[in-house]
């Protein structure tokens, strides 16, 4: 990741101006309009004029120094400086930029080693402060982000890191803002991309989650059985003093069990007596179905 903020190419406008002026000077020399001393002066003047012309892109500001002292910002577009006395120190990009960073083998509050990958979106809102207050703000942001992320990981348990990524990102954003605002830089968003834990711990957590799901399933099943028993107990109250209703219910139950030809229904002998199912059982046996009566 490069931290340079200076342009590494020739200014096309100043280069074109210098070529034109040099061409005109050489043409006049060959036409004998000017002599050698005048040609040398024209060449120097051409170089000085060309070096005074600079250009900054739409999203940039140029930091201009005069005799080593800051005099202002120029751009975007074409601007002029005083040759020899002035120089463009750097061009600072004011667009939103993205920096990814990570905290490797960092211990959580419950002493679990984790590797966390994160990403930060930031921008330069005060070019003068960014140029004068910090030497390489790009690298400074990366180091502060890494340090802040390690501190936050050490203050939280693993479960909190896995469940509250958004909160972790906001806490880290606040830490970065507190450090970068004096440099004229603001942090817009911090996101946690990935949290990696040791494979052995991942397997153990998977087994724990599976056991927890099984426990909940058993609890739900037990609760269902309790509710069913309560419903049966409430339904039985309707048959206590109503033998006809009990008989009809027994016939219905037997009918449902004997719908399929060749099926076998196991009925307690006490049910035959209490619900008068003997006659029905005889009819069922004639139909080819079997009723087994345990003693």
Protein backbone atom coordinates (compact mmCIF):
# COMPACT_ATOMS: atom_id res chain seq x y z
CA UNK A 1 0.00 0.00 0.00
CA UNK A 2 1.60 3.23 -1.18
CA UNK A 3 1.67 6.23 1.10
CA UNK A 4 2.98 8.81 -1.40
CA UNK A 5 0.79 11.81 -2.13
CA UNK A 6 2.94 13.48 -4.79
CA UNK A 7 2.39 13.16 -8.52
CA UNK A 8 5.01 11.22 -10.42
CA UNK A 9 4.32 12.50 -13.92
CA UNK A 10 5.16 15.65 -15.92
CA UNK A 11 2.54 18.36 -16.08
CA UNK A 12 1.23 18.16 -19.65
CA UNK A 13 0.38 21.88 -19.81
CA UNK A 14 3.79 23.13 -18.69
CA UNK A 15 5.55 20.59 -20.91
CA UNK A 16 3.56 21.74 -23.95
CA UNK A 17 4.23 25.42 -23.20
CA UNK A 18 7.95 24.77 -22.81
CA UNK A 19 8.13 22.86 -26.10
CA UNK A 20 6.31 25.67 -27.94
CA UNK A 21 8.52 28.39 -26.50
CA UNK A 22 11.67 26.43 -27.23
CA UNK A 23 10.49 25.83 -30.78
CA UNK A 24 9.79 29.51 -31.32
CA UNK A 25 13.21 30.47 -29.90
CA UNK A 26 15.06 28.00 -32.09
CA UNK A 27 13.08 29.16 -35.15
CA UNK A 28 14.01 32.76 -34.51
CA UNK A 29 17.63 31.73 -34.02
CA UNK A 30 17.76 29.92 -37.36
CA UNK A 31 16.15 32.92 -39.05
CA UNK A 32 18.93 35.01 -37.50
CA UNK A 33 16.44 37.23 -35.76
CA UNK A 34 18.14 36.57 -32.42
CA UNK A 35 21.71 35.73 -31.55
CA UNK A 36 23.25 33.12 -29.22
CA UNK A 37 23.00 35.18 -25.98
CA UNK A 38 19.42 36.05 -26.76
CA UNK A 39 18.69 32.40 -27.58
CA UNK A 40 20.10 31.31 -24.22
CA UNK A 41 17.96 33.89 -22.45
CA UNK A 42 14.90 32.77 -24.41
CA UNK A 43 15.56 29.15 -23.46
CA UNK A 44 15.87 30.02 -19.75
CA UNK A 45 12.74 32.16 -19.93
CA UNK A 46 10.87 29.33 -21.62
CA UNK A 47 11.86 26.91 -18.87
CA UNK A 48 10.85 29.37 -16.12
CA UNK A 49 7.46 30.08 -17.71
CA UNK A 50 6.79 26.40 -18.23
CA UNK A 51 7.78 25.54 -14.64
CA UNK A 52 5.31 28.11 -13.29
CA UNK A 53 2.32 26.38 -14.84
CA UNK A 54 0.76 23.48 -12.95
CA UNK A 55 -2.49 21.57 -12.99
CA UNK A 56 -4.49 19.75 -10.31
CA UNK A 57 -7.25 17.23 -10.96
CA UNK A 58 -10.85 17.93 -9.95
CA UNK A 59 -10.55 15.92 -6.71
CA UNK A 60 -7.15 17.30 -5.67
CA UNK A 61 -5.64 20.26 -3.88
CA UNK A 62 -2.02 21.30 -4.41
CA UNK A 63 0.05 22.29 -1.39
CA UNK A 64 2.31 25.24 -2.36
CA UNK A 65 5.40 26.28 -0.40
CA UNK A 66 7.39 29.50 -0.88
CA UNK A 67 10.95 29.33 0.33
CA UNK A 68 9.92 26.35 2.48
CA UNK A 69 6.90 28.08 4.06
CA UNK A 70 3.27 27.17 3.44
CA UNK A 71 1.49 29.92 1.47
CA UNK A 72 -1.76 28.25 0.42
CA UNK A 73 -3.62 25.66 -1.59
CA UNK A 74 -4.14 25.69 -5.34
CA UNK A 75 -6.53 23.94 -7.67
CA UNK A 76 -8.39 22.19 -8.99
CA UNK A 77 -7.48 23.10 -12.56
CA UNK A 78 -4.60 25.16 -13.93
CA UNK A 79 -2.70 27.47 -11.57
CA UNK A 80 0.55 29.46 -11.58
CA UNK A 81 3.40 29.62 -9.08
CA UNK A 82 6.47 31.83 -8.87
CA UNK A 83 9.42 29.96 -10.43
CA UNK A 84 12.38 29.17 -8.17
CA UNK A 85 10.71 30.69 -5.09
CA UNK A 86 7.62 28.48 -5.06
CA UNK A 87 7.21 24.72 -5.35
CA UNK A 88 4.32 22.29 -5.23
CA UNK A 89 5.01 20.01 -2.31
CA UNK A 90 2.18 17.51 -2.89
CA UNK A 91 -1.24 16.89 -4.36
CA UNK A 92 -3.77 15.64 -1.80
CA UNK A 93 -6.72 13.54 -2.90
CA UNK A 94 -10.01 14.53 -1.23
CA UNK A 95 -12.08 11.57 -2.40
CA UNK A 96 -13.29 8.86 -0.04
CA UNK A 97 -10.57 6.23 0.27
CA UNK A 98 -10.58 2.67 1.53
CA UNK A 99 -7.96 1.05 3.77
CA UNK A 100 -8.10 -2.57 4.82
CA UNK A 101 -6.23 -3.78 7.90
CA UNK A 102 -6.16 -6.75 10.25
CA UNK A 103 -5.35 -7.78 13.82
CA UNK A 104 -3.66 -11.18 13.83
CA UNK A 105 -3.49 -13.56 16.80
CA UNK A 106 -5.13 -11.12 19.19
CA UNK A 107 -6.52 -12.42 22.49
CA UNK A 108 -10.11 -11.64 23.42
CA UNK A 109 -11.24 -10.89 26.97
CA UNK A 110 -11.86 -14.62 27.50
CA UNK A 111 -8.33 -15.44 26.14
CA UNK A 112 -9.35 -16.77 22.73
CA UNK A 113 -6.88 -16.03 19.89
CA UNK A 114 -8.66 -14.53 16.88
CA UNK A 115 -7.71 -13.01 13.54
CA UNK A 116 -9.92 -10.06 12.61
CA UNK A 117 -10.03 -8.39 9.18
CA UNK A 118 -11.60 -4.94 8.91
CA UNK A 119 -11.97 -2.09 6.46
CA UNK A 120 -12.19 1.69 7.00
CA UNK A 121 -13.59 4.41 4.73
CA UNK A 122 -12.05 7.84 5.29
CA UNK A 123 -11.53 11.18 3.59
CA UNK A 124 -9.43 14.36 3.96
CA UNK A 125 -11.69 17.26 4.83
CA UNK A 126 -8.95 19.80 5.72
CA UNK A 127 -6.04 19.64 3.26
CA UNK A 128 -3.91 22.17 5.14
CA UNK A 129 -3.98 20.14 8.37
CA UNK A 130 -3.33 16.89 6.52
CA UNK A 131 -0.28 18.45 4.86
CA UNK A 132 1.18 20.20 7.92
CA UNK A 133 0.18 18.07 10.94
CA UNK A 134 1.20 14.54 9.87
CA UNK A 135 3.95 13.29 7.58
CA UNK A 136 2.38 10.14 6.11
CA UNK A 137 -1.26 10.13 7.10
CA UNK A 138 -2.01 7.06 4.99
CA UNK A 139 0.30 4.85 7.06
CA UNK A 140 -0.70 6.62 10.28
CA UNK A 141 -4.35 5.73 9.74
CA UNK A 142 -3.45 2.09 9.13
CA UNK A 143 -1.37 1.83 12.31
CA UNK A 144 -3.97 3.60 14.45
CA UNK A 145 -6.71 1.35 13.06
CA UNK A 146 -4.70 -1.79 13.85
CA UNK A 147 -3.89 -0.61 17.37
CA UNK A 148 -7.49 0.44 18.06
CA UNK A 149 -8.83 -2.86 16.76
CA UNK A 150 -6.49 -4.84 19.02
CA UNK A 151 -7.56 -2.78 22.04
CA UNK A 152 -11.25 -3.33 21.30
CA UNK A 153 -10.77 -7.07 20.80
CA UNK A 154 -9.03 -7.32 24.17
CA UNK A 155 -12.02 -5.65 25.87
CA UNK A 156 -14.68 -7.98 24.45
CA UNK A 157 -15.39 -11.67 24.73
CA UNK A 158 -15.55 -13.87 21.64
CA UNK A 159 -19.35 -14.11 21.75
CA UNK A 160 -19.61 -10.31 21.70
CA UNK A 161 -17.28 -10.06 18.70
CA UNK A 162 -19.32 -12.60 16.75
CA UNK A 163 -22.72 -11.13 17.61
CA UNK A 164 -22.08 -7.36 17.77
CA UNK A 165 -19.93 -6.62 14.72
CA UNK A 166 -21.78 -3.40 14.01
CA UNK A 167 -21.19 -2.12 17.55
CA UNK A 168 -17.50 -3.07 17.36
CA UNK A 169 -17.21 -1.14 14.09
CA UNK A 170 -18.82 1.97 15.61
CA UNK A 171 -16.54 1.84 18.64
CA UNK A 172 -13.49 1.59 16.38
CA UNK A 173 -14.78 4.45 14.22
CA UNK A 174 -15.00 6.66 17.32
CA UNK A 175 -11.43 5.78 18.30
CA UNK A 176 -10.15 6.60 14.82
CA UNK A 177 -12.09 9.87 14.64
CA UNK A 178 -10.64 11.04 17.94
CA UNK A 179 -7.12 10.50 16.59
CA UNK A 180 -7.50 11.67 12.97
CA UNK A 181 -9.69 14.77 13.34
CA UNK A 182 -6.69 16.92 14.42
CA UNK A 183 -5.09 15.91 11.10
CA UNK A 184 -8.06 17.13 9.05
CA UNK A 185 -9.19 13.56 8.34
CA UNK A 186 -12.56 12.04 9.15
CA UNK A 187 -13.48 8.36 9.31
CA UNK A 188 -16.88 7.69 7.77
CA UNK A 189 -17.38 3.96 8.27
CA UNK A 190 -15.57 0.99 9.77
CA UNK A 191 -16.67 -2.53 8.88
CA UNK A 192 -15.60 -5.92 10.28
CA UNK A 193 -15.06 -8.19 7.29
CA UNK A 194 -14.14 -11.47 8.93
CA UNK A 195 -13.41 -13.03 12.32
CA UNK A 196 -11.33 -16.19 12.20
CA UNK A 197 -11.08 -18.51 15.20
CA UNK A 198 -8.94 -21.65 15.72
CA UNK A 199 -10.35 -24.76 13.94
CA UNK A 200 -10.51 -26.77 17.18
CA UNK A 201 -12.57 -24.08 18.86
CA UNK A 202 -14.83 -23.84 15.81
CA UNK A 203 -15.54 -27.60 16.04
CA UNK A 204 -16.24 -27.34 19.76
CA UNK A 205 -18.62 -24.41 19.21
CA UNK A 206 -20.38 -26.35 16.46
CA UNK A 207 -20.90 -29.32 18.79
CA UNK A 208 -22.10 -27.02 21.54
CA UNK A 209 -24.61 -25.42 19.19
CA UNK A 210 -25.83 -28.84 18.06
CA UNK A 211 -26.25 -29.98 21.68
CA UNK A 212 -28.14 -26.78 22.45
CA UNK A 213 -30.48 -27.39 19.52
CA UNK A 214 -31.12 -30.96 20.70
CA UNK A 215 -31.83 -29.71 24.23
CA UNK A 216 -34.33 -27.19 22.93
CA UNK A 217 -35.96 -29.88 20.79
CA UNK A 218 -36.38 -32.14 23.84
CA UNK A 219 -37.80 -29.27 25.87
CA UNK A 220 -40.28 -28.49 23.11
CA UNK A 221 -41.26 -32.17 22.87
CA UNK A 222 -41.75 -32.40 26.65
CA UNK A 223 -43.84 -29.23 26.61
CA UNK A 224 -45.97 -30.68 23.80
CA UNK A 225 -46.51 -33.91 25.76
CA UNK A 226 -47.59 -31.90 28.80
CA UNK A 227 -50.05 -29.89 26.75
CA UNK A 228 -51.43 -33.07 25.14
CA UNK A 229 -51.91 -34.68 28.55
CA UNK A 230 -53.75 -31.59 29.76
CA UNK A 231 -56.02 -31.69 26.72
CA UNK A 232 -56.74 -35.41 27.26
CA UNK A 233 -57.50 -34.79 30.91
CA UNK A 234 -59.89 -32.01 29.99
CA UNK A 235 -61.52 -34.16 27.29
CA UNK A 236 -62.00 -37.08 29.70
CA UNK A 237 -64.17 -34.89 31.88
CA UNK A 238 -66.76 -34.90 29.09
CA UNK A 239 -67.03 -38.72 29.17
CA UNK A 240 -67.29 -39.29 32.94
CA UNK A 241 -71.09 -39.16 33.10
CA UNK A 242 -71.80 -39.73 29.41
CA UNK A 243 -71.28 -43.43 28.42
CA UNK A 244 -72.96 -42.97 25.06
CA UNK A 245 -70.42 -40.31 24.05
CA UNK A 246 -67.61 -42.58 25.25
CA UNK A 247 -69.01 -45.46 23.20
CA UNK A 248 -69.27 -43.32 20.08
CA UNK A 249 -65.71 -42.10 20.58
CA UNK A 250 -64.49 -45.69 20.88
CA UNK A 251 -66.29 -46.67 17.69
CA UNK A 252 -64.73 -43.72 15.88
CA UNK A 253 -61.25 -44.60 17.09
CA UNK A 254 -61.66 -48.20 16.02
CA UNK A 255 -63.01 -47.17 12.66
CA UNK A 256 -60.01 -44.90 12.04
CA UNK A 257 -57.67 -47.75 12.92
CA UNK A 258 -59.43 -50.26 10.64
CA UNK A 259 -59.64 -48.12 7.53
CA UNK A 260 -56.85 -50.07 5.84
CA UNK A 261 -57.72 -53.70 5.05
CA UNK A 262 -55.44 -56.19 6.75
CA UNK A 263 -54.36 -53.78 9.51
CA UNK A 264 -53.98 -54.87 13.11
CA UNK A 265 -55.18 -52.82 16.04
CA UNK A 266 -54.03 -53.50 19.60
CA UNK A 267 -56.80 -52.71 22.10
CA UNK A 268 -56.56 -53.24 25.90
CA UNK A 269 -59.10 -55.71 27.28
CA UNK A 270 -60.29 -53.09 29.73
CA UNK A 271 -61.23 -50.89 26.79
CA UNK A 272 -63.41 -53.68 25.36
CA UNK A 273 -65.40 -53.79 28.59
CA UNK A 274 -65.57 -50.07 29.33
CA UNK A 275 -66.33 -48.95 25.79
CA UNK A 276 -68.39 -52.03 24.73
CA UNK A 277 -66.09 -52.76 21.80
CA UNK A 278 -66.65 -56.51 21.74
CA UNK A 279 -69.39 -56.43 19.13
CA UNK A 280 -67.44 -54.03 17.02
CA UNK A 281 -64.39 -56.27 17.22
CA UNK A 282 -66.44 -59.18 15.89
CA UNK A 283 -67.59 -57.14 12.95
CA UNK A 284 -64.04 -56.03 12.29
CA UNK A 285 -62.79 -59.65 12.27
CA UNK A 286 -65.40 -60.54 9.69
CA UNK A 287 -64.06 -57.76 7.53
CA UNK A 288 -60.58 -59.29 7.45
CA UNK A 289 -58.99 -56.98 10.00
CA UNK A 290 -57.32 -58.21 13.19
CA UNK A 291 -57.78 -56.86 16.70
CA UNK A 292 -55.20 -57.98 19.20
CA UNK A 293 -56.34 -57.87 22.80
CA UNK A 294 -53.50 -57.98 25.35
CA UNK A 295 -54.29 -59.58 28.73
